[in-house]
Amino acid sequence: MGSFLDKPKTEKLNEKGQDNDLSFGVGAMQGWRIEMEDAHSSLTKLPLSGFENWSFFAVFDGHAGGTVSKIASQELIYSILNADPDLFNELAIFYSNKATSTQQDLTSESSITCSTRSASSLASNDGNNTNVTSLLSSSTETPNQTSTVDTHPTEKPKSDTNKNSSNETVSESSASILKTSEIADEILDISSNKPVSTKPLVNLTDDLENRLKKAIRQGFLNLDDKLRHMPEFEKGEDKSGSTAVACLISPTHVYLINCGDSRALVSSDNQIVLCTYDHKPIIPAERERIHNAGGSVMIQRVNGSLAVSRALGDFDYKCVENRGPCEQLVSPEPEIYSRERSYEKDQFVVLACDGIWDVMSNEDLKDFINSRLKVTNDLVKISNEVLDMCLNKGSRDNMSIIIVTFPGAPKVLQNEIDKDKICNEKIENRIKELIENSNTRIEFSQILQSISQEKWDEFPAGGGFYAKQYLIEEIYNRLAPRHNEDDSINSSNCYFNSPL
């Protein structure tokens, strides 16, 4: 966990895609660590009939090995969907009904009977509704700008009828997920076209959202229990664990989900409107749980060793008898934050491991991404720029970041492109000047120190000098070629060895 390479591995793992009016870019880099323990998930469509307009993104920051992070990246979403199959079938019908009602409001004063018949028709078609997003975004209503956070005390979860208990293992296959049509007849009386439920579907929002948060929480607990019973963990051969930060995007809401010290934020109208909070052992509520379980917090770590107080895996810290899974030294319980979407103002979501947040504040990263989106719409390029910038700022960890943009994201502007070009040209001219004014060969560290101490209004917002450090290195290598192979430089080494 604490070992480092002689020089960082800067090769990038990238992924990108777009669907449901969303675009995403992934950047991941091993950096100074001896191995890459991060993993990620990126699904623009959920693997469940009727949820093609829902998306899921997650970053998993492994420690003491990459086993848990890798498994979690493949199985967490299925564990959540399997936690309450009835709920997800009801959600599919609810959104289908909502979309149908919206369409009818826009076209005619249709009767309630017609609305019910349309919802029934959609449900019987396996819930495969591909027009929900477009219909909802066409609505003249503006969602309320409300935020909620679902937090739970560190208590043993109570069992609930028809739901998995905290100790039950999730199904081995996603095949156990029910399709919408399989319970459609339980929600609607298809033959009479009348709702069977005593509550109108339109009034189920609060109930469904609360159940969704419970399903997300249960999905984490079920996956952790499944991991515990895998042979490599039962035998104690694998000691790995992983934090998890995720974003679930529905047609109407954004849900941020956090377990550990990775972090996510939502930018809307150039403001941070929703963000997660790190689970560190020094947080009073976390410290109290650790002490109650017989542990201690030393040097800001659980028992002086583990730097996070919530994570998947880490079963050496989850073996206190007569205590539930959420009462252990390390808890697998996530915190869930939600907010209604604003199709006009919402800009982007950022999910990143602590290797990013160790050297970047929420505001700085938000400002940097906002500024770069005005220069390029290539999210992979921006993600890689963040990785390089954080390496230059001194991050010694694995680094992973996912940027997801909404329709309201900043658009590329020619004047911002020109401004960035002028900045690059100014950097090159300054390096030329420094080289020409030096009587002897000027070292790269001297170039960095000189430029870092100067005032540059042209540097990208939120990134400053560090956002251009790799460009400075490229220009220096071109204008002041190395004399031999031993005369090599590394910008990160220069950073650590210089007084910057």
Protein backbone atom coordinates (compact mmCIF):
# COMPACT_ATOMS: atom_id res chain seq x y z
CA MET A 1 0.00 0.00 0.00
CA GLY A 2 2.87 2.36 0.71
CA SER A 3 5.41 1.31 -1.93
CA PHE A 4 6.34 3.53 -4.85
CA LEU A 5 8.12 3.20 -8.19
CA ASP A 6 11.34 5.01 -9.09
CA LYS A 7 9.38 7.02 -11.64
CA PRO A 8 5.66 7.21 -12.36
CA LYS A 9 3.88 5.19 -15.02
CA THR A 10 2.02 7.81 -17.03
CA GLU A 11 0.34 5.60 -19.65
CA LYS A 12 -3.39 6.23 -19.65
CA LEU A 13 -6.37 3.87 -19.74
CA ASN A 14 -9.19 5.68 -21.53
CA GLU A 15 -12.81 5.07 -22.42
CA LYS A 16 -15.55 7.26 -23.84
CA GLY A 17 -19.14 7.06 -24.99
CA GLN A 18 -22.46 8.83 -25.29
CA ASP A 19 -26.16 8.05 -25.03
CA ASN A 20 -29.30 9.33 -23.29
CA ASP A 21 -28.14 12.92 -23.95
CA LEU A 22 -25.03 12.16 -21.86
CA SER A 23 -21.38 11.99 -22.87
CA PHE A 24 -18.61 10.56 -20.72
CA GLY A 25 -14.84 10.25 -20.70
CA VAL A 26 -12.65 8.08 -18.45
CA GLY A 27 -9.00 8.59 -17.60
CA ALA A 28 -6.96 6.26 -15.37
CA MET A 29 -3.23 6.21 -14.61
CA GLN A 30 -1.06 4.03 -12.36
CA GLY A 31 1.24 6.88 -11.38
CA TRP A 32 3.83 6.24 -8.65
CA ARG A 33 2.20 3.13 -7.17
CA ILE A 34 3.73 -0.29 -7.77
CA GLU A 35 0.48 -1.59 -9.25
CA MET A 36 -2.82 -0.27 -10.58
CA GLU A 37 -5.60 -1.06 -8.10
CA ASP A 38 -8.35 1.23 -9.45
CA ALA A 39 -11.30 0.05 -11.51
CA HIS A 40 -14.41 1.71 -12.93
CA SER A 41 -17.88 1.16 -14.37
CA SER A 42 -19.50 3.18 -17.15
CA LEU A 43 -22.99 2.23 -18.32
CA THR A 44 -25.04 4.69 -20.33
CA LYS A 45 -27.91 2.19 -20.20
CA LEU A 46 -28.71 -0.05 -17.25
CA PRO A 47 -28.78 -3.80 -17.99
CA LEU A 48 -32.48 -4.09 -17.19
CA SER A 49 -35.48 -3.91 -19.47
CA GLY A 50 -37.27 -0.60 -19.05
CA PHE A 51 -34.16 1.19 -17.78
CA GLU A 52 -32.50 2.03 -21.08
CA ASN A 53 -32.74 5.71 -20.16
CA TRP A 54 -30.95 5.28 -16.81
CA SER A 55 -27.15 5.46 -16.55
CA PHE A 56 -24.57 4.35 -13.99
CA PHE A 57 -20.95 5.41 -13.49
CA ALA A 58 -18.58 4.45 -10.69
CA VAL A 59 -14.93 4.63 -9.60
CA PHE A 60 -13.46 1.98 -7.31
CA ASP A 61 -10.20 2.78 -5.51
CA GLY A 62 -8.60 -0.47 -4.39
CA HIS A 63 -6.05 -0.91 -1.64
CA ALA A 64 -3.92 -3.89 -0.57
CA GLY A 65 -4.64 -5.32 -4.01
CA GLY A 66 -7.09 -4.87 -6.83
CA THR A 67 -9.37 -7.88 -6.35
CA VAL A 68 -12.27 -6.13 -4.62
CA SER A 69 -12.21 -3.09 -6.90
CA LYS A 70 -12.26 -5.27 -10.01
CA ILE A 71 -15.14 -7.46 -8.79
CA ALA A 72 -17.12 -4.45 -7.58
CA SER A 73 -16.76 -2.72 -10.95
CA GLN A 74 -18.36 -5.73 -12.60
CA GLU A 75 -21.05 -6.63 -10.07
CA LEU A 76 -22.16 -3.63 -8.00
CA ILE A 77 -24.88 -2.47 -10.39
CA TYR A 78 -26.32 -6.00 -10.59
CA SER A 79 -26.23 -6.28 -6.81
CA ILE A 80 -28.24 -3.06 -6.55
CA LEU A 81 -30.78 -4.15 -9.18
CA ASN A 82 -31.20 -7.53 -7.49
CA ALA A 83 -31.68 -6.02 -4.04
CA ASP A 84 -35.37 -5.27 -4.72
CA PRO A 85 -36.55 -6.53 -8.14
CA ASP A 86 -40.16 -5.54 -7.46
CA LEU A 87 -39.08 -1.96 -6.91
CA PHE A 88 -37.34 -1.69 -10.26
CA ASN A 89 -40.32 -3.14 -12.07
CA GLU A 90 -42.56 -0.57 -10.37
CA LEU A 91 -40.10 2.19 -11.22
CA ALA A 92 -40.16 1.19 -14.89
CA ILE A 93 -43.95 1.32 -14.95
CA PHE A 94 -44.00 4.59 -13.04
CA TYR A 95 -41.68 6.33 -15.50
CA SER A 96 -43.52 4.84 -18.45
CA ASN A 97 -46.77 6.18 -17.02
CA LYS A 98 -45.18 9.57 -16.35
CA ALA A 99 -43.83 9.77 -19.89
CA THR A 100 -47.19 8.82 -21.36
CA SER A 101 -48.97 11.43 -19.24
CA THR A 102 -46.49 14.06 -20.36
CA GLN A 103 -47.03 13.21 -24.00
CA GLN A 104 -50.80 13.41 -23.58
CA ASP A 105 -50.56 16.78 -21.83
CA LEU A 106 -48.61 18.10 -24.78
CA THR A 107 -50.93 16.75 -27.48
CA SER A 108 -54.49 16.67 -26.12
CA GLU A 109 -56.76 16.58 -23.05
CA SER A 110 -56.80 12.78 -22.98
CA SER A 111 -58.80 10.89 -20.36
CA ILE A 112 -57.30 9.05 -17.40
CA THR A 113 -58.49 5.81 -18.94
CA CYS A 114 -56.41 6.45 -22.06
CA SER A 115 -53.39 7.29 -19.90
CA THR A 116 -53.76 4.02 -17.99
CA ARG A 117 -54.14 2.06 -21.23
CA SER A 118 -50.91 3.61 -22.59
CA ALA A 119 -49.03 2.75 -19.41
CA SER A 120 -50.35 -0.81 -19.60
CA SER A 121 -49.27 -1.10 -23.22
CA LEU A 122 -45.78 0.05 -22.39
CA ALA A 123 -45.50 -2.32 -19.44
CA SER A 124 -46.58 -5.31 -21.52
CA ASN A 125 -43.81 -4.51 -23.96
CA ASP A 126 -41.15 -5.49 -21.41
CA GLY A 127 -40.97 -1.89 -20.29
CA ASN A 128 -38.85 -1.11 -23.34
CA ASN A 129 -39.54 2.62 -23.55
CA THR A 130 -36.94 4.47 -25.54
CA ASN A 131 -38.73 7.81 -25.54
CA VAL A 132 -38.86 8.60 -21.80
CA THR A 133 -35.91 10.99 -21.81
CA SER A 134 -37.07 12.95 -24.82
CA LEU A 135 -40.63 13.19 -23.48
CA LEU A 136 -39.54 14.32 -20.03
CA SER A 137 -37.12 16.89 -21.41
CA SER A 138 -39.95 18.27 -23.54
CA SER A 139 -42.04 19.05 -20.48
CA THR A 140 -42.69 22.70 -19.78
CA GLU A 141 -42.27 22.09 -16.04
CA THR A 142 -38.90 22.93 -14.46
CA PRO A 143 -37.77 20.45 -11.76
CA ASN A 144 -37.44 21.87 -8.28
CA GLN A 145 -33.86 22.59 -7.24
CA THR A 146 -33.95 20.40 -4.15
CA SER A 147 -31.25 18.19 -2.69
CA THR A 148 -31.51 15.40 -0.17
CA VAL A 149 -29.00 13.15 1.53
CA ASP A 150 -29.84 9.68 2.78
CA THR A 151 -27.62 8.84 5.72
CA HIS A 152 -27.92 5.89 8.04
CA PRO A 153 -26.61 5.38 11.58
CA THR A 154 -24.07 2.63 11.97
CA GLU A 155 -26.65 0.10 13.07
CA LYS A 156 -27.38 -3.44 12.01
CA PRO A 157 -30.01 -3.28 9.24
CA LYS A 158 -33.40 -4.71 10.08
CA SER A 159 -34.77 -7.58 8.04
CA ASP A 160 -37.66 -6.75 5.73
CA THR A 161 -40.25 -9.04 4.22
CA ASN A 162 -39.68 -9.80 0.50
CA LYS A 163 -36.26 -8.11 0.58
CA ASN A 164 -32.76 -9.53 0.99
CA SER A 165 -31.48 -9.28 4.56
CA SER A 166 -28.06 -7.75 5.18
CA ASN A 167 -26.53 -11.21 5.45
CA GLU A 168 -28.09 -12.69 2.34
CA THR A 169 -25.84 -13.22 -0.66
CA VAL A 170 -26.79 -11.61 -3.94
CA SER A 171 -27.67 -13.92 -6.83
CA GLU A 172 -24.71 -15.19 -8.81
CA SER A 173 -26.17 -13.98 -12.08
CA SER A 174 -28.02 -10.97 -13.39
CA ALA A 175 -30.55 -13.46 -14.74
CA SER A 176 -32.49 -13.16 -11.49
CA ILE A 177 -33.49 -9.57 -12.38
CA LEU A 178 -37.16 -9.56 -13.34
CA LYS A 179 -38.42 -7.83 -16.43
CA THR A 180 -41.18 -5.26 -16.22
CA SER A 181 -43.72 -7.43 -17.99
CA GLU A 182 -43.35 -10.20 -15.38
CA ILE A 183 -45.10 -8.16 -12.67
CA ALA A 184 -47.06 -5.75 -14.84
CA ASP A 185 -50.29 -7.60 -14.09
CA GLU A 186 -49.67 -7.08 -10.37
CA ILE A 187 -49.58 -3.30 -10.85
CA LEU A 188 -52.35 -2.87 -13.43
CA ASP A 189 -55.49 -4.80 -14.21
CA ILE A 190 -54.77 -5.12 -17.92
CA SER A 191 -58.21 -6.46 -18.85
CA SER A 192 -60.10 -3.54 -17.30
CA ASN A 193 -57.43 -0.87 -17.89
CA LYS A 194 -57.84 0.28 -14.28
CA PRO A 195 -55.09 0.71 -11.68
CA VAL A 196 -55.17 -2.00 -9.03
CA SER A 197 -53.04 -0.07 -6.54
CA THR A 198 -54.90 2.04 -3.99
CA LYS A 199 -52.36 4.82 -4.66
CA PRO A 200 -52.21 6.52 -8.06
CA LEU A 201 -48.88 5.89 -9.74
CA VAL A 202 -48.18 9.61 -9.94
CA ASN A 203 -48.12 9.82 -6.11
CA LEU A 204 -45.55 7.04 -5.66
CA THR A 205 -42.53 9.30 -6.18
CA ASP A 206 -41.47 9.75 -2.56
CA ASP A 207 -42.11 6.12 -1.70
CA LEU A 208 -40.23 4.85 -4.75
CA GLU A 209 -37.28 7.15 -4.14
CA ASN A 210 -36.97 6.01 -0.52
CA ARG A 211 -37.12 2.39 -1.63
CA LEU A 212 -34.53 3.08 -4.32
CA LYS A 213 -32.12 4.44 -1.71
CA LYS A 214 -32.74 1.38 0.45
CA ALA A 215 -32.06 -0.87 -2.55
CA ILE A 216 -28.78 0.92 -3.28
CA ARG A 217 -27.72 0.52 0.35
CA GLN A 218 -28.75 -3.13 0.38
CA GLY A 219 -26.89 -3.72 -2.88
CA PHE A 220 -23.65 -2.62 -1.21
CA LEU A 221 -24.25 -4.84 1.81
CA ASN A 222 -25.15 -7.84 -0.34
CA LEU A 223 -22.08 -7.46 -2.52
CA ASP A 224 -19.84 -7.15 0.54
CA ASP A 225 -21.36 -10.31 1.98
CA LYS A 226 -20.85 -12.11 -1.33
CA LEU A 227 -17.21 -11.08 -1.39
CA ARG A 228 -16.72 -12.32 2.18
CA HIS A 229 -17.78 -15.83 1.16
CA MET A 230 -15.46 -16.08 -1.82
CA PRO A 231 -12.70 -18.68 -1.20
CA GLU A 232 -9.78 -16.25 -1.38
CA PHE A 233 -11.35 -14.05 1.30
CA GLU A 234 -12.66 -16.87 3.50
CA LYS A 235 -9.16 -18.36 3.63
CA GLY A 236 -7.58 -14.98 4.34
CA GLU A 237 -5.46 -15.17 1.21
CA ASP A 238 -6.71 -11.82 -0.10
CA LYS A 239 -6.72 -8.77 2.20
CA SER A 240 -7.84 -6.20 -0.36
CA GLY A 241 -10.58 -3.63 -0.06
CA SER A 242 -11.98 -0.82 -2.15
CA THR A 243 -13.78 2.46 -1.78
CA ALA A 244 -16.66 3.13 -4.17
CA VAL A 245 -18.15 6.34 -5.49
CA ALA A 246 -20.98 6.10 -8.00
CA CYS A 247 -23.54 8.15 -9.87
CA LEU A 248 -26.94 6.83 -10.87
CA ILE A 249 -28.74 9.08 -13.36
CA SER A 250 -32.48 8.65 -13.95
CA PRO A 251 -34.62 10.74 -16.31
CA THR A 252 -35.52 13.00 -13.36
CA HIS A 253 -32.80 12.67 -10.69
CA VAL A 254 -29.10 12.40 -10.05
CA TYR A 255 -27.99 10.12 -7.22
CA LEU A 256 -24.46 10.29 -5.83
CA ILE A 257 -23.41 7.22 -3.83
CA ASN A 258 -20.29 7.10 -1.68
CA CYS A 259 -18.54 4.52 0.47
CA GLY A 260 -15.04 5.67 1.42
CA ASP A 261 -12.90 8.65 0.51
CA SER A 262 -13.34 8.81 -3.24
CA ARG A 263 -15.60 11.71 -4.18
CA ALA A 264 -18.18 12.97 -6.67
CA LEU A 265 -19.76 16.33 -7.42
CA VAL A 266 -22.42 17.80 -9.68
CA SER A 267 -21.93 21.16 -11.39
CA SER A 268 -25.02 23.11 -12.39
CA ASP A 269 -24.95 26.70 -13.69
CA ASN A 270 -21.23 26.74 -12.77
CA GLN A 271 -22.02 25.97 -9.13
CA ILE A 272 -21.42 22.81 -7.11
CA VAL A 273 -24.98 21.81 -6.23
CA LEU A 274 -24.34 18.31 -4.92
CA CYS A 275 -21.27 16.49 -3.61
CA THR A 276 -20.27 13.53 -1.46
CA TYR A 277 -18.34 13.68 1.79
CA ASP A 278 -15.33 11.53 2.61
CA HIS A 279 -15.50 8.71 5.14
CA LYS A 280 -12.36 9.22 7.18
CA PRO A 281 -11.64 7.66 10.61
CA ILE A 282 -11.26 11.12 12.18
CA ILE A 283 -14.88 12.07 11.41
CA PRO A 284 -16.68 12.01 14.81
CA ALA A 285 -19.45 9.58 13.77
CA GLU A 286 -16.92 7.25 12.13
CA ARG A 287 -14.56 7.43 15.11
CA GLU A 288 -17.42 6.60 17.49
CA ARG A 289 -18.34 3.47 15.51
CA ILE A 290 -14.70 2.37 15.43
CA HIS A 291 -14.34 2.84 19.19
CA ASN A 292 -17.62 1.03 19.87
CA ALA A 293 -16.31 -1.92 17.85
CA GLY A 294 -13.18 -2.07 20.02
CA GLY A 295 -10.84 -0.32 17.60
CA SER A 296 -8.84 2.88 17.72
CA VAL A 297 -7.94 5.79 15.50
CA MET A 298 -4.21 6.51 15.39
CA ILE A 299 -2.39 8.78 12.93
CA GLN A 300 -5.81 9.35 11.33
CA ARG A 301 -6.13 5.64 10.45
CA VAL A 302 -8.22 2.72 11.68
CA ASN A 303 -5.99 0.92 14.19
CA GLY A 304 -3.16 3.02 12.81
CA SER A 305 -3.31 1.23 9.45
CA LEU A 306 -6.31 1.84 7.17
CA ALA A 307 -6.95 5.40 6.01
CA VAL A 308 -10.68 4.94 5.24
CA SER A 309 -13.51 4.03 7.58
CA ARG A 310 -15.94 2.67 4.98
CA ALA A 311 -15.12 0.29 2.15
CA LEU A 312 -16.01 -2.96 0.44
CA GLY A 313 -13.80 -5.86 1.46
CA ASP A 314 -11.18 -5.24 4.20
CA PHE A 315 -12.55 -8.22 6.12
CA ASP A 316 -9.79 -8.14 8.73
CA TYR A 317 -11.63 -5.06 10.01
CA LYS A 318 -15.08 -6.70 9.88
CA CYS A 319 -14.82 -9.58 12.32
CA VAL A 320 -16.21 -8.15 15.58
CA GLU A 321 -18.70 -10.67 16.96
CA ASN A 322 -22.29 -9.74 17.78
CA ARG A 323 -22.15 -6.62 15.62
CA GLY A 324 -23.86 -6.06 12.28
CA PRO A 325 -22.06 -5.21 9.04
CA CYS A 326 -22.56 -1.48 9.57
CA GLU A 327 -21.21 -1.60 13.15
CA GLN A 328 -17.75 -2.95 12.32
CA LEU A 329 -14.42 -1.09 12.35
CA VAL A 330 -14.92 -0.60 8.61
CA SER A 331 -18.45 -0.37 7.23
CA PRO A 332 -19.65 -1.22 3.69
CA GLU A 333 -22.63 1.13 4.08
CA PRO A 334 -22.86 3.94 1.49
CA GLU A 335 -24.27 7.42 1.89
CA ILE A 336 -26.69 8.48 -0.84
CA TYR A 337 -27.29 12.03 -2.03
CA SER A 338 -30.00 13.00 -4.51
CA ARG A 339 -31.14 16.00 -6.52
CA GLU A 340 -33.75 16.62 -9.18
CA ARG A 341 -32.26 17.26 -12.59
CA SER A 342 -32.39 20.63 -14.32
CA TYR A 343 -32.14 20.01 -18.04
CA GLU A 344 -31.20 23.61 -18.77
CA LYS A 345 -28.66 24.24 -15.99
CA ASP A 346 -27.01 20.91 -15.12
CA GLN A 347 -23.54 20.76 -16.66
CA PHE A 348 -21.50 17.75 -15.55
CA VAL A 349 -20.74 15.12 -12.93
CA VAL A 350 -17.20 14.28 -11.81
CA LEU A 351 -16.27 11.04 -10.05
CA ALA A 352 -12.67 10.53 -8.94
CA CYS A 353 -10.54 8.58 -6.49
CA ASP A 354 -8.66 10.26 -3.66
CA GLY A 355 -5.51 10.43 -5.79
CA ILE A 356 -7.24 13.35 -7.51
CA TRP A 357 -8.79 14.96 -4.43
CA ASP A 358 -5.54 14.77 -2.45
CA VAL A 359 -4.27 17.67 -4.54
CA MET A 360 -7.43 19.29 -5.94
CA SER A 361 -10.27 21.04 -4.15
CA ASN A 362 -13.87 20.63 -5.30
CA GLU A 363 -13.98 24.21 -6.58
CA ASP A 364 -10.67 24.01 -8.42
CA LEU A 365 -11.56 20.80 -10.24
CA LYS A 366 -15.00 22.14 -11.12
CA ASP A 367 -13.47 25.37 -12.44
CA PHE A 368 -10.81 23.53 -14.43
CA ILE A 369 -13.27 21.19 -16.16
CA ASN A 370 -15.65 24.07 -16.82
CA SER A 371 -12.86 26.09 -18.46
CA ARG A 372 -11.55 23.19 -20.57
CA LEU A 373 -15.04 22.31 -21.86
CA LYS A 374 -15.02 25.73 -23.53
CA VAL A 375 -11.83 24.75 -25.38
CA THR A 376 -12.62 21.13 -26.33
CA ASN A 377 -15.51 18.68 -26.10
CA ASP A 378 -13.08 15.74 -25.96
CA LEU A 379 -13.76 14.39 -22.46
CA VAL A 380 -10.92 11.87 -22.64
CA LYS A 381 -8.48 14.71 -23.39
CA ILE A 382 -9.78 16.71 -20.43
CA SER A 383 -9.63 13.63 -18.18
CA ASN A 384 -6.01 13.02 -19.15
CA GLU A 385 -5.18 16.67 -18.52
CA VAL A 386 -6.57 16.30 -15.00
CA LEU A 387 -4.40 13.22 -14.40
CA ASP A 388 -1.24 14.96 -15.63
CA MET A 389 -2.02 18.09 -13.66
CA CYS A 390 -2.54 16.13 -10.43
CA LEU A 391 0.71 14.23 -10.98
CA ASN A 392 2.46 17.58 -11.41
CA LYS A 393 0.83 18.84 -8.21
CA GLY A 394 2.32 15.96 -6.27
CA SER A 395 -0.22 13.11 -6.21
CA ARG A 396 1.53 9.82 -5.43
CA ASP A 397 -1.50 7.55 -5.80
CA ASN A 398 -3.29 5.69 -8.56
CA MET A 399 -5.64 8.13 -10.26
CA SER A 400 -9.00 7.58 -11.96
CA ILE A 401 -11.60 10.10 -13.08
CA ILE A 402 -14.90 9.97 -14.94
CA ILE A 403 -16.44 13.12 -16.40
CA VAL A 404 -20.10 12.91 -17.46
CA THR A 405 -21.64 15.87 -19.28
CA PHE A 406 -25.31 16.83 -19.48
CA PRO A 407 -26.96 18.75 -22.35
CA GLY A 408 -26.35 21.99 -20.42
CA ALA A 409 -22.57 21.54 -20.33
CA PRO A 410 -20.42 24.50 -21.48
CA LYS A 411 -20.02 24.65 -25.26
CA VAL A 412 -16.76 25.15 -27.13
CA LEU A 413 -16.16 28.84 -27.81
CA GLN A 414 -13.77 30.20 -30.41
CA ASN A 415 -12.60 33.03 -28.17
CA GLU A 416 -11.65 30.46 -25.48
CA ILE A 417 -9.76 28.42 -28.07
CA ASP A 418 -7.91 31.56 -29.14
CA LYS A 419 -7.17 32.44 -25.51
CA ASP A 420 -5.68 29.00 -24.89
CA LYS A 421 -3.59 29.25 -28.06
CA ILE A 422 -2.26 32.64 -26.99
CA CYS A 423 -1.32 31.16 -23.60
CA ASN A 424 0.62 28.33 -25.26
CA GLU A 425 2.43 30.75 -27.54
CA LYS A 426 3.30 32.99 -24.61
CA ILE A 427 4.76 29.99 -22.74
CA GLU A 428 6.92 29.06 -25.71
CA ASN A 429 8.18 32.62 -26.13
CA ARG A 430 9.02 32.81 -22.42
CA ILE A 431 10.97 29.54 -22.51
CA LYS A 432 12.90 30.77 -25.56
CA GLU A 433 13.74 33.96 -23.70
CA LEU A 434 14.96 32.09 -20.62
CA ILE A 435 17.13 29.75 -22.69
CA GLU A 436 18.64 32.58 -24.76
CA ASN A 437 19.39 34.74 -21.71
CA SER A 438 21.21 31.95 -19.90
CA ASN A 439 25.00 31.82 -20.28
CA THR A 440 24.99 28.07 -19.64
CA ARG A 441 22.50 25.30 -20.28
CA ILE A 442 19.45 26.10 -18.19
CA GLU A 443 17.91 23.17 -16.34
CA PHE A 444 14.24 22.25 -16.63
CA SER A 445 13.71 22.80 -12.90
CA GLN A 446 14.92 26.38 -13.34
CA ILE A 447 12.44 26.92 -16.16
CA LEU A 448 9.61 25.58 -13.99
CA GLN A 449 10.61 27.69 -11.02
CA SER A 450 10.85 30.86 -13.07
CA ILE A 451 7.48 30.45 -14.80
CA SER A 452 5.69 29.35 -11.61
CA GLN A 453 6.73 32.54 -9.85
CA GLU A 454 5.36 34.78 -12.59
CA LYS A 455 1.77 36.03 -12.81
CA TRP A 456 -0.07 34.46 -15.74
CA ASP A 457 -3.71 35.37 -16.19
CA GLU A 458 -3.90 33.07 -19.20
CA PHE A 459 -3.45 29.81 -17.27
CA PRO A 460 -6.63 27.62 -17.12
CA ALA A 461 -8.97 28.40 -14.23
CA GLY A 462 -8.61 25.93 -11.38
CA GLY A 463 -5.38 24.50 -12.76
CA GLY A 464 -2.99 27.39 -13.03
CA PHE A 465 0.65 26.71 -13.74
CA TYR A 466 0.32 22.96 -13.13
CA ALA A 467 -2.18 22.60 -15.98
CA LYS A 468 0.55 23.63 -18.43
CA GLN A 469 3.53 21.87 -16.89
CA TYR A 470 3.61 19.07 -19.45
CA LEU A 471 3.45 21.61 -22.27
CA ILE A 472 6.36 23.44 -20.66
CA GLU A 473 8.32 20.19 -20.59
CA GLU A 474 7.52 19.43 -24.25
CA ILE A 475 8.63 22.90 -25.36
CA TYR A 476 11.79 22.75 -23.24
CA ASN A 477 12.79 19.37 -24.71
CA ARG A 478 12.27 20.74 -28.21
CA LEU A 479 14.18 23.98 -27.68
CA ALA A 480 16.93 22.60 -25.44
CA PRO A 481 17.65 19.05 -26.64
CA ARG A 482 19.28 16.66 -24.20
CA HIS A 483 23.05 16.16 -24.67
CA ASN A 484 22.82 12.40 -24.08
CA GLU A 485 20.44 9.71 -22.89
CA ASP A 486 21.45 10.22 -19.25
CA ASP A 487 20.47 13.87 -19.46
CA SER A 488 16.80 13.01 -19.07
CA ILE A 489 14.11 14.84 -17.19
CA ASN A 490 10.85 14.01 -15.61
CA SER A 491 8.48 16.81 -14.78
CA SER A 492 7.21 15.10 -11.63
CA ASN A 493 10.73 14.51 -10.34
CA CYS A 494 11.55 18.13 -11.09
CA TYR A 495 8.53 19.13 -9.09
CA PHE A 496 9.56 17.12 -6.06
CA ASN A 497 13.22 18.19 -6.22
CA SER A 498 12.57 21.88 -6.74
CA PRO A 499 11.37 24.48 -4.23
CA LEU A 500 8.10 25.01 -6.16
